[in-house]
PDB file of N, CA and C in Angstrom:
ATOM      1  N   GLN A   1       0.836  -1.211   0.000  1.00  0.00           N
ATOM      2  CA  GLN A   1       0.000   0.000   0.000  1.00  0.00           C
ATOM      3  C   GLN A   1       0.869   1.260   0.000  1.00  0.00           C
ATOM      4  N   VAL A   2       2.035   1.146   0.590  1.00  0.00           N
ATOM      5  CA  VAL A   2       2.880   2.336   0.702  1.00  0.00           C
ATOM      6  C   VAL A   2       3.580   2.627  -0.624  1.00  0.00           C
ATOM      7  N   ASP A   3       4.266   1.614  -1.178  1.00  0.00           N
ATOM      8  CA  ASP A   3       5.060   1.845  -2.383  1.00  0.00           C
ATOM      9  C   ASP A   3       4.199   2.115  -3.620  1.00  0.00           C
ATOM     10  N   PRO A   4       3.122   1.340  -3.867  1.00  0.00           N
ATOM     11  CA  PRO A   4       2.361   1.513  -5.117  1.00  0.00           C
ATOM     12  C   PRO A   4       1.805   2.923  -5.252  1.00  0.00           C
ATOM     13  N   CYS A   5       1.174   3.415  -4.230  1.00  0.00           N
ATOM     14  CA  CYS A   5       0.568   4.752  -4.336  1.00  0.00           C
ATOM     15  C   CYS A   5       1.572   5.828  -3.931  1.00  0.00           C
ATOM     16  N   GLY A   6       2.367   5.542  -2.928  1.00  0.00           N
ATOM     17  CA  GLY A   6       3.324   6.539  -2.474  1.00  0.00           C
ATOM     18  C   GLY A   6       2.635   7.638  -1.687  1.00  0.00           C
ATOM     19  N   GLY A   7       1.328   7.505  -1.457  1.00  0.00           N
ATOM     20  CA  GLY A   7       0.611   8.531  -0.700  1.00  0.00           C
ATOM     21  C   GLY A   7       0.695   8.282   0.785  1.00  0.00           C
ATOM     22  N   ALA A   8       1.360   7.197   1.197  1.00  0.00           N
ATOM     23  CA  ALA A   8       1.455   6.869   2.627  1.00  0.00           C
ATOM     24  C   ALA A   8       2.205   7.983   3.350  1.00  0.00           C
ATOM     25  N   ARG A   9       2.942   8.793   2.637  1.00  0.00           N
ATOM     26  CA  ARG A   9       3.698   9.860   3.293  1.00  0.00           C
ATOM     27  C   ARG A   9       2.729  10.813   4.001  1.00  0.00           C
ATOM     28  N   ARG A  10       1.622  11.147   3.332  1.00  0.00           N
ATOM     29  CA  ARG A  10       0.667  12.070   3.961  1.00  0.00           C
ATOM     30  C   ARG A  10      -0.487  11.299   4.600  1.00  0.00           C
ATOM     31  N   LYS A  11      -1.030  10.297   3.883  1.00  0.00           N
ATOM     32  CA  LYS A  11      -2.176   9.540   4.413  1.00  0.00           C
ATOM     33  C   LYS A  11      -1.932   8.043   4.233  1.00  0.00           C
ATOM     34  N   ASP A  12      -3.002   7.256   4.188  1.00  0.00           N
ATOM     35  CA  ASP A  12      -2.862   5.799   4.093  1.00  0.00           C
ATOM     36  C   ASP A  12      -2.648   5.362   2.647  1.00  0.00           C
ATOM     37  N   ALA A  13      -2.535   6.270   1.715  1.00  0.00           N
ATOM     38  CA  ALA A  13      -2.326   5.920   0.311  1.00  0.00           C
ATOM     39  C   ALA A  13      -3.498   5.104  -0.205  1.00  0.00           C
ATOM     40  N   ARG A  14      -4.681   5.294   0.321  1.00  0.00           N
ATOM     41  CA  ARG A  14      -5.847   4.514  -0.117  1.00  0.00           C
ATOM     42  C   ARG A  14      -6.349   5.038  -1.458  1.00  0.00           C
ATOM     43  N   GLY A  15      -6.443   6.322  -1.610  1.00  0.00           N
ATOM     44  CA  GLY A  15      -7.058   6.898  -2.806  1.00  0.00           C
ATOM     45  C   GLY A  15      -7.376   8.353  -2.506  1.00  0.00           C
ATOM     46  N   PRO A  16      -8.160   8.584  -1.434  1.00  0.00           N
ATOM     47  CA  PRO A  16      -8.398   9.971  -1.016  1.00  0.00           C
ATOM     48  C   PRO A  16      -7.107  10.633  -0.550  1.00  0.00           C
ATOM     49  N   GLY A  17      -6.150   9.823  -0.140  1.00  0.00           N
ATOM     50  CA  GLY A  17      -4.872  10.373   0.321  1.00  0.00           C
ATOM     51  C   GLY A  17      -4.193  11.168  -0.778  1.00  0.00           C
ATOM     52  N   PRO A  18      -3.758  10.507  -1.848  1.00  0.00           N
ATOM     53  CA  PRO A  18      -3.080  11.222  -2.941  1.00  0.00           C
ATOM     54  C   PRO A  18      -4.014  12.203  -3.635  1.00  0.00           C
ATOM     55  N   ARG A  19      -5.288  11.839  -3.772  1.00  0.00           N
ATOM     56  CA  ARG A  19      -6.223  12.744  -4.461  1.00  0.00           C
ATOM     57  C   ARG A  19      -6.377  14.042  -3.684  1.00  0.00           C
ATOM     58  N   VAL A  20      -6.606  13.914  -2.384  1.00  0.00           N
ATOM     59  CA  VAL A  20      -6.787  15.118  -1.565  1.00  0.00           C
ATOM     60  C   VAL A  20      -5.458  15.843  -1.392  1.00  0.00           C
ATOM     61  N   ALA A  21      -4.373  15.039  -1.317  1.00  0.00           N
ATOM     62  CA  ALA A  21      -3.066  15.649  -1.073  1.00  0.00           C
ATOM     63  C   ALA A  21      -2.589  16.394  -2.320  1.00  0.00           C
ATOM     64  N   ALA A  22      -2.916  15.880  -3.511  1.00  0.00           N
ATOM     65  CA  ALA A  22      -2.410  16.494  -4.737  1.00  0.00           C
ATOM     66  C   ALA A  22      -3.010  17.893  -4.948  1.00  0.00           C
ATOM     67  N   PRO A  23      -4.338  18.054  -4.947  1.00  0.00           N
ATOM     68  CA  PRO A  23      -4.919  19.377  -5.209  1.00  0.00           C
ATOM     69  C   PRO A  23      -4.460  20.443  -4.218  1.00  0.00           C
ATOM     70  N   PRO A  24      -4.511  20.172  -2.888  1.00  0.00           N
ATOM     71  CA  PRO A  24      -4.090  21.204  -1.941  1.00  0.00           C
ATOM     72  C   PRO A  24      -2.638  21.621  -2.148  1.00  0.00           C
ATOM     73  N   GLY A  25      -1.778  20.674  -2.552  1.00  0.00           N
ATOM     74  CA  GLY A  25      -0.365  21.016  -2.753  1.00  0.00           C
ATOM     75  C   GLY A  25      -0.201  22.102  -3.802  1.00  0.00           C
ATOM     76  N   PRO A  26      -0.542  21.801  -5.055  1.00  0.00           N
ATOM     77  CA  PRO A  26      -0.384  22.791  -6.127  1.00  0.00           C
ATOM     78  C   PRO A  26      -1.311  23.977  -5.947  1.00  0.00           C
ATOM     79  N   ALA A  27      -2.487  23.728  -5.345  1.00  0.00           N
ATOM     80  CA  ALA A  27      -3.457  24.821  -5.195  1.00  0.00           C
ATOM     81  C   ALA A  27      -2.873  25.904  -4.292  1.00  0.00           C
ATOM     82  N   ARG A  28      -2.220  25.500  -3.206  1.00  0.00           N
ATOM     83  CA  ARG A  28      -1.688  26.511  -2.286  1.00  0.00           C
ATOM     84  C   ARG A  28      -0.516  27.272  -2.904  1.00  0.00           C
ATOM     85  N   PRO A  29       0.498  26.559  -3.442  1.00  0.00           N
ATOM     86  CA  PRO A  29       1.628  27.278  -4.043  1.00  0.00           C
ATOM     87  C   PRO A  29       1.223  28.084  -5.275  1.00  0.00           C
ATOM     88  N   THR A  30       0.263  27.580  -6.050  1.00  0.00           N
ATOM     89  CA  THR A  30      -0.111  28.291  -7.278  1.00  0.00           C
ATOM     90  C   THR A  30      -0.707  29.668  -6.968  1.00  0.00           C
ATOM     91  N   PRO A  31      -1.790  29.736  -6.158  1.00  0.00           N
ATOM     92  CA  PRO A  31      -2.359  31.048  -5.849  1.00  0.00           C
ATOM     93  C   PRO A  31      -1.452  31.848  -4.919  1.00  0.00           C
ATOM     94  N   GLY A  32      -0.756  31.145  -4.040  1.00  0.00           N
ATOM     95  CA  GLY A  32       0.091  31.853  -3.075  1.00  0.00           C
ATOM     96  C   GLY A  32       1.352  32.390  -3.727  1.00  0.00           C
ATOM     97  N   THR A  33       2.181  31.480  -4.260  1.00  0.00           N
ATOM     98  CA  THR A  33       3.452  31.917  -4.850  1.00  0.00           C
ATOM     99  C   THR A  33       3.239  32.434  -6.272  1.00  0.00           C
ATOM    100  N   GLY A  34       2.498  31.662  -7.078  1.00  0.00           N
ATOM    101  CA  GLY A  34       2.294  32.049  -8.479  1.00  0.00           C
ATOM    102  C   GLY A  34       1.578  33.390  -8.578  1.00  0.00           C
ATOM    103  N   THR A  35       0.449  33.498  -7.884  1.00  0.00           N
ATOM    104  CA  THR A  35      -0.312  34.754  -7.972  1.00  0.00           C
ATOM    105  C   THR A  35       0.366  35.847  -7.151  1.00  0.00           C
ATOM    106  N   GLY A  36       0.887  35.454  -6.002  1.00  0.00           N
ATOM    107  CA  GLY A  36       1.510  36.452  -5.129  1.00  0.00           C
ATOM    108  C   GLY A  36       2.721  37.086  -5.798  1.00  0.00           C
ATOM    109  N   GLY A  37       3.540  36.272  -6.456  1.00  0.00           N
ATOM    110  CA  GLY A  37       4.733  36.818  -7.112  1.00  0.00           C
ATOM    111  C   GLY A  37       4.377  37.870  -8.157  1.00  0.00           C
ATOM    112  N   PRO A  38       3.573  37.479  -9.147  1.00  0.00           N
ATOM    113  CA  PRO A  38       3.189  38.433 -10.201  1.00  0.00           C
ATOM    114  C   PRO A  38       2.482  39.650  -9.629  1.00  0.00           C
ATOM    115  N   ARG A  39       1.645  39.427  -8.616  1.00  0.00           N
ATOM    116  CA  ARG A  39       0.913  40.573  -8.043  1.00  0.00           C
ATOM    117  C   ARG A  39       1.894  41.581  -7.469  1.00  0.00           C
ATOM    118  N   ALA A  40       2.869  41.068  -6.723  1.00  0.00           N
ATOM    119  CA  ALA A  40       3.842  41.979  -6.116  1.00  0.00           C
ATOM    120  C   ALA A  40       4.621  42.701  -7.220  1.00  0.00           C
ATOM    121  N   ARG A  41       5.006  41.945  -8.245  1.00  0.00           N
ATOM    122  CA  ARG A  41       5.775  42.564  -9.332  1.00  0.00           C
ATOM    123  C   ARG A  41       4.911  43.564 -10.092  1.00  0.00           C
ATOM    124  N   LEU A  42       3.675  43.160 -10.405  1.00  0.00           N
ATOM    125  CA  LEU A  42       2.785  44.058 -11.137  1.00  0.00           C
ATOM    126  C   LEU A  42       2.507  45.299 -10.295  1.00  0.00           C
ATOM    127  N   GLY A  43       2.296  45.094  -9.010  1.00  0.00           N
ATOM    128  CA  GLY A  43       2.026  46.232  -8.124  1.00  0.00           C
ATOM    129  C   GLY A  43       3.207  47.192  -8.119  1.00  0.00           C
ATOM    130  N   ALA A  44       4.402  46.657  -8.016  1.00  0.00           N
ATOM    131  CA  ALA A  44       5.580  47.517  -8.000  1.00  0.00           C
ATOM    132  C   ALA A  44       5.729  48.217  -9.354  1.00  0.00           C
ATOM    133  N   ALA A  45       5.530  47.466 -10.433  1.00  0.00           N
ATOM    134  CA  ALA A  45       5.668  48.053 -11.770  1.00  0.00           C
ATOM    135  C   ALA A  45       4.573  49.095 -11.995  1.00  0.00           C
ATOM    136  N   ALA A  46       3.356  48.763 -11.570  1.00  0.00           N
ATOM    137  CA  ALA A  46       2.239  49.693 -11.776  1.00  0.00           C
ATOM    138  C   ALA A  46       2.473  50.965 -10.967  1.00  0.00           C
ATOM    139  N   SER A  47       2.925  50.802  -9.713  1.00  0.00           N
ATOM    140  CA  SER A  47       3.138  51.974  -8.862  1.00  0.00           C
ATOM    141  C   SER A  47       4.343  52.767  -9.385  1.00  0.00           C
ATOM    142  N   ALA A  48       5.372  52.057  -9.879  1.00  0.00           N
ATOM    143  CA  ALA A  48       6.573  52.743 -10.354  1.00  0.00           C
ATOM    144  C   ALA A  48       6.294  53.420 -11.701  1.00  0.00           C
ATOM    145  N   ALA A  49       5.455  52.805 -12.527  1.00  0.00           N
ATOM    146  CA  ALA A  49       5.184  53.376 -13.845  1.00  0.00           C
ATOM    147  C   ALA A  49       4.459  54.719 -13.733  1.00  0.00           C
ATOM    148  N   PRO A  50       3.373  54.803 -12.975  1.00  0.00           N
ATOM    149  CA  PRO A  50       2.649  56.074 -12.874  1.00  0.00           C
ATOM    150  C   PRO A  50       3.502  57.173 -12.254  1.00  0.00           C
ATOM    151  N   LYS A  51       4.411  56.818 -11.352  1.00  0.00           N
ATOM    152  CA  LYS A  51       5.222  57.856 -10.708  1.00  0.00           C
ATOM    153  C   LYS A  51       6.026  58.651 -11.742  1.00  0.00           C
ATOM    154  N   PRO A  52       6.837  57.972 -12.594  1.00  0.00           N
ATOM    155  CA  PRO A  52       7.582  58.727 -13.606  1.00  0.00           C
ATOM    156  C   PRO A  52       6.664  59.370 -14.631  1.00  0.00           C
ATOM    157  N   ARG A  53       5.544  58.708 -14.923  1.00  0.00           N
ATOM    158  CA  ARG A  53       4.634  59.259 -15.930  1.00  0.00           C
ATOM    159  C   ARG A  53       3.935  60.506 -15.397  1.00  0.00           C
ATOM    160  N   SER A  54       3.516  60.479 -14.135  1.00  0.00           N
ATOM    161  CA  SER A  54       2.772  61.617 -13.596  1.00  0.00           C
ATOM    162  C   SER A  54       3.637  62.884 -13.556  1.00  0.00           C
ATOM    163  N   PRO A  55       4.907  62.803 -13.117  1.00  0.00           N
ATOM    164  CA  PRO A  55       5.739  64.013 -13.091  1.00  0.00           C
ATOM    165  C   PRO A  55       5.890  64.635 -14.478  1.00  0.00           C
ATOM    166  N   ASP A  56       5.970  63.813 -15.526  1.00  0.00           N
ATOM    167  CA  ASP A  56       6.153  64.370 -16.872  1.00  0.00           C
ATOM    168  C   ASP A  56       4.978  65.275 -17.268  1.00  0.00           C
ATOM    169  N   PRO A  57       3.733  64.768 -17.186  1.00  0.00           N
ATOM    170  CA  PRO A  57       2.595  65.604 -17.561  1.00  0.00           C
ATOM    171  C   PRO A  57       2.412  66.775 -16.598  1.00  0.00           C
ATOM    172  N   VAL A  58       2.808  66.641 -15.357  1.00  0.00           N
ATOM    173  CA  VAL A  58       2.608  67.724 -14.379  1.00  0.00           C
ATOM    174  C   VAL A  58       3.390  68.970 -14.787  1.00  0.00           C
ATOM    175  N   PRO A  59       4.720  68.860 -15.041  1.00  0.00           N
ATOM    176  CA  PRO A  59       5.469  70.049 -15.466  1.00  0.00           C
ATOM    177  C   PRO A  59       4.952  70.589 -16.794  1.00  0.00           C
ATOM    178  N   ALA A  60       4.541  69.701 -17.687  1.00  0.00           N
ATOM    179  CA  ALA A  60       4.027  70.149 -18.981  1.00  0.00           C
ATOM    180  C   ALA A  60       2.764  70.979 -18.759  1.00  0.00           C
ATOM    181  N   ARG A  61       1.889  70.506 -17.863  1.00  0.00           N
ATOM    182  CA  ARG A  61       0.652  71.249 -17.591  1.00  0.00           C
ATOM    183  C   ARG A  61       0.978  72.590 -16.934  1.00  0.00           C
ATOM    184  N   SER A  62       1.912  72.558 -15.961  1.00  0.00           N
ATOM    185  CA  SER A  62       2.247  73.794 -15.259  1.00  0.00           C
ATOM    186  C   SER A  62       2.856  74.788 -16.263  1.00  0.00           C
ATOM    187  N   GLY A  63       3.669  74.262 -17.202  1.00  0.00           N
ATOM    188  CA  GLY A  63       4.273  75.144 -18.200  1.00  0.00           C
ATOM    189  C   GLY A  63       3.199  75.786 -19.072  1.00  0.00           C
ATOM    190  N   ARG A  64       2.214  75.001 -19.463  1.00  0.00           N
ATOM    191  CA  ARG A  64       1.146  75.551 -20.297  1.00  0.00           C
ATOM    192  C   ARG A  64       0.306  76.544 -19.505  1.00  0.00           C
ATOM    193  N   ALA A  65       0.072  76.220 -18.228  1.00  0.00           N
ATOM    194  CA  ALA A  65      -0.769  77.083 -17.405  1.00  0.00           C
ATOM    195  C   ALA A  65       0.004  78.345 -17.005  1.00  0.00           C
ATOM    196  N   ALA A  66       1.344  78.268 -16.967  1.00  0.00           N
ATOM    197  CA  ALA A  66       2.131  79.413 -16.519  1.00  0.00           C
ATOM    198  C   ALA A  66       1.890  80.635 -17.411  1.00  0.00           C
ATOM    199  N   PRO A  67       2.031  80.525 -18.739  1.00  0.00           N
ATOM    200  CA  PRO A  67       1.807  81.699 -19.603  1.00  0.00           C
ATOM    201  C   PRO A  67       0.390  82.223 -19.464  1.00  0.00           C
ATOM    202  N   ALA A  68      -0.569  81.336 -19.335  1.00  0.00           N
ATOM    203  CA  ALA A  68      -1.962  81.769 -19.220  1.00  0.00           C
ATOM    204  C   ALA A  68      -2.146  82.513 -17.901  1.00  0.00           C
ATOM    205  N   VAL A  69      -1.489  82.024 -16.820  1.00  0.00           N
ATOM    206  CA  VAL A  69      -1.639  82.674 -15.512  1.00  0.00           C
ATOM    207  C   VAL A  69      -0.924  84.023 -15.534  1.00  0.00           C
ATOM    208  N   ASN A  70       0.252  84.075 -16.159  1.00  0.00           N
ATOM    209  CA  ASN A  70       1.004  85.329 -16.183  1.00  0.00           C
ATOM    210  C   ASN A  70       0.229  86.391 -16.969  1.00  0.00           C
ATOM    211  N   GLY A  71      -0.280  85.991 -18.120  1.00  0.00           N
ATOM    212  CA  GLY A  71      -0.985  86.952 -18.963  1.00  0.00           C
ATOM    213  C   GLY A  71      -2.452  87.057 -18.571  1.00  0.00           C
ATOM    214  N   GLU A  72      -2.845  86.374 -17.496  1.00  0.00           N
ATOM    215  CA  GLU A  72      -4.249  86.367 -17.070  1.00  0.00           C
ATOM    216  C   GLU A  72      -5.105  85.747 -18.172  1.00  0.00           C
ATOM    217  N   GLU A  73      -4.917  86.179 -19.409  1.00  0.00           N
ATOM    218  CA  GLU A  73      -5.656  85.575 -20.517  1.00  0.00           C
ATOM    219  C   GLU A  73      -4.701  85.441 -21.700  1.00  0.00           C
ATOM    220  N   ALA A  74      -4.879  84.359 -22.466  1.00  0.00           N
ATOM    221  CA  ALA A  74      -3.977  84.135 -23.595  1.00  0.00           C
ATOM    222  C   ALA A  74      -4.094  85.299 -24.582  1.00  0.00           C
ATOM    223  N   GLY A  75      -5.281  85.807 -24.793  1.00  0.00           N
ATOM    224  CA  GLY A  75      -5.500  86.896 -25.759  1.00  0.00           C
ATOM    225  C   GLY A  75      -4.952  88.212 -25.236  1.00  0.00           C
ATOM    226  N   THR A  76      -4.757  88.354 -23.931  1.00  0.00           N
ATOM    227  CA  THR A  76      -4.297  89.641 -23.383  1.00  0.00           C
ATOM    228  C   THR A  76      -2.895  89.962 -23.891  1.00  0.00           C
ATOM    229  N   GLU A  77      -1.985  88.980 -23.786  1.00  0.00           N
ATOM    230  CA  GLU A  77      -0.613  89.239 -24.212  1.00  0.00           C
ATOM    231  C   GLU A  77      -0.565  89.486 -25.719  1.00  0.00           C
ATOM    232  N   GLU A  78      -1.360  88.711 -26.464  1.00  0.00           N
ATOM    233  CA  GLU A  78      -1.325  88.855 -27.921  1.00  0.00           C
ATOM    234  C   GLU A  78      -1.888  90.226 -28.319  1.00  0.00           C
ATOM    235  N   ALA A  79      -2.919  90.650 -27.686  1.00  0.00           N
ATOM    236  CA  ALA A  79      -3.516  91.931 -28.038  1.00  0.00           C
ATOM    237  C   ALA A  79      -2.567  93.042 -27.580  1.00  0.00           C
TER     238      ALA A  79
END
């Protein structure tokens, strides 16, 4: 019973032993390590990506708004 199934390590190797033991094994590492790894990486990449992207548009917006604020109105300076 031990050698043929090899499930005696966790249970009696009857049938529910390896069957029940197999799904929980991969199921835990898959969502835990598999999903956890990519999530952490995606989270870091997502958080890091917007940071450099946000500063770029911010100065560009401030630059565009600066002339308008200085001249109060775009047409004022031109006129």
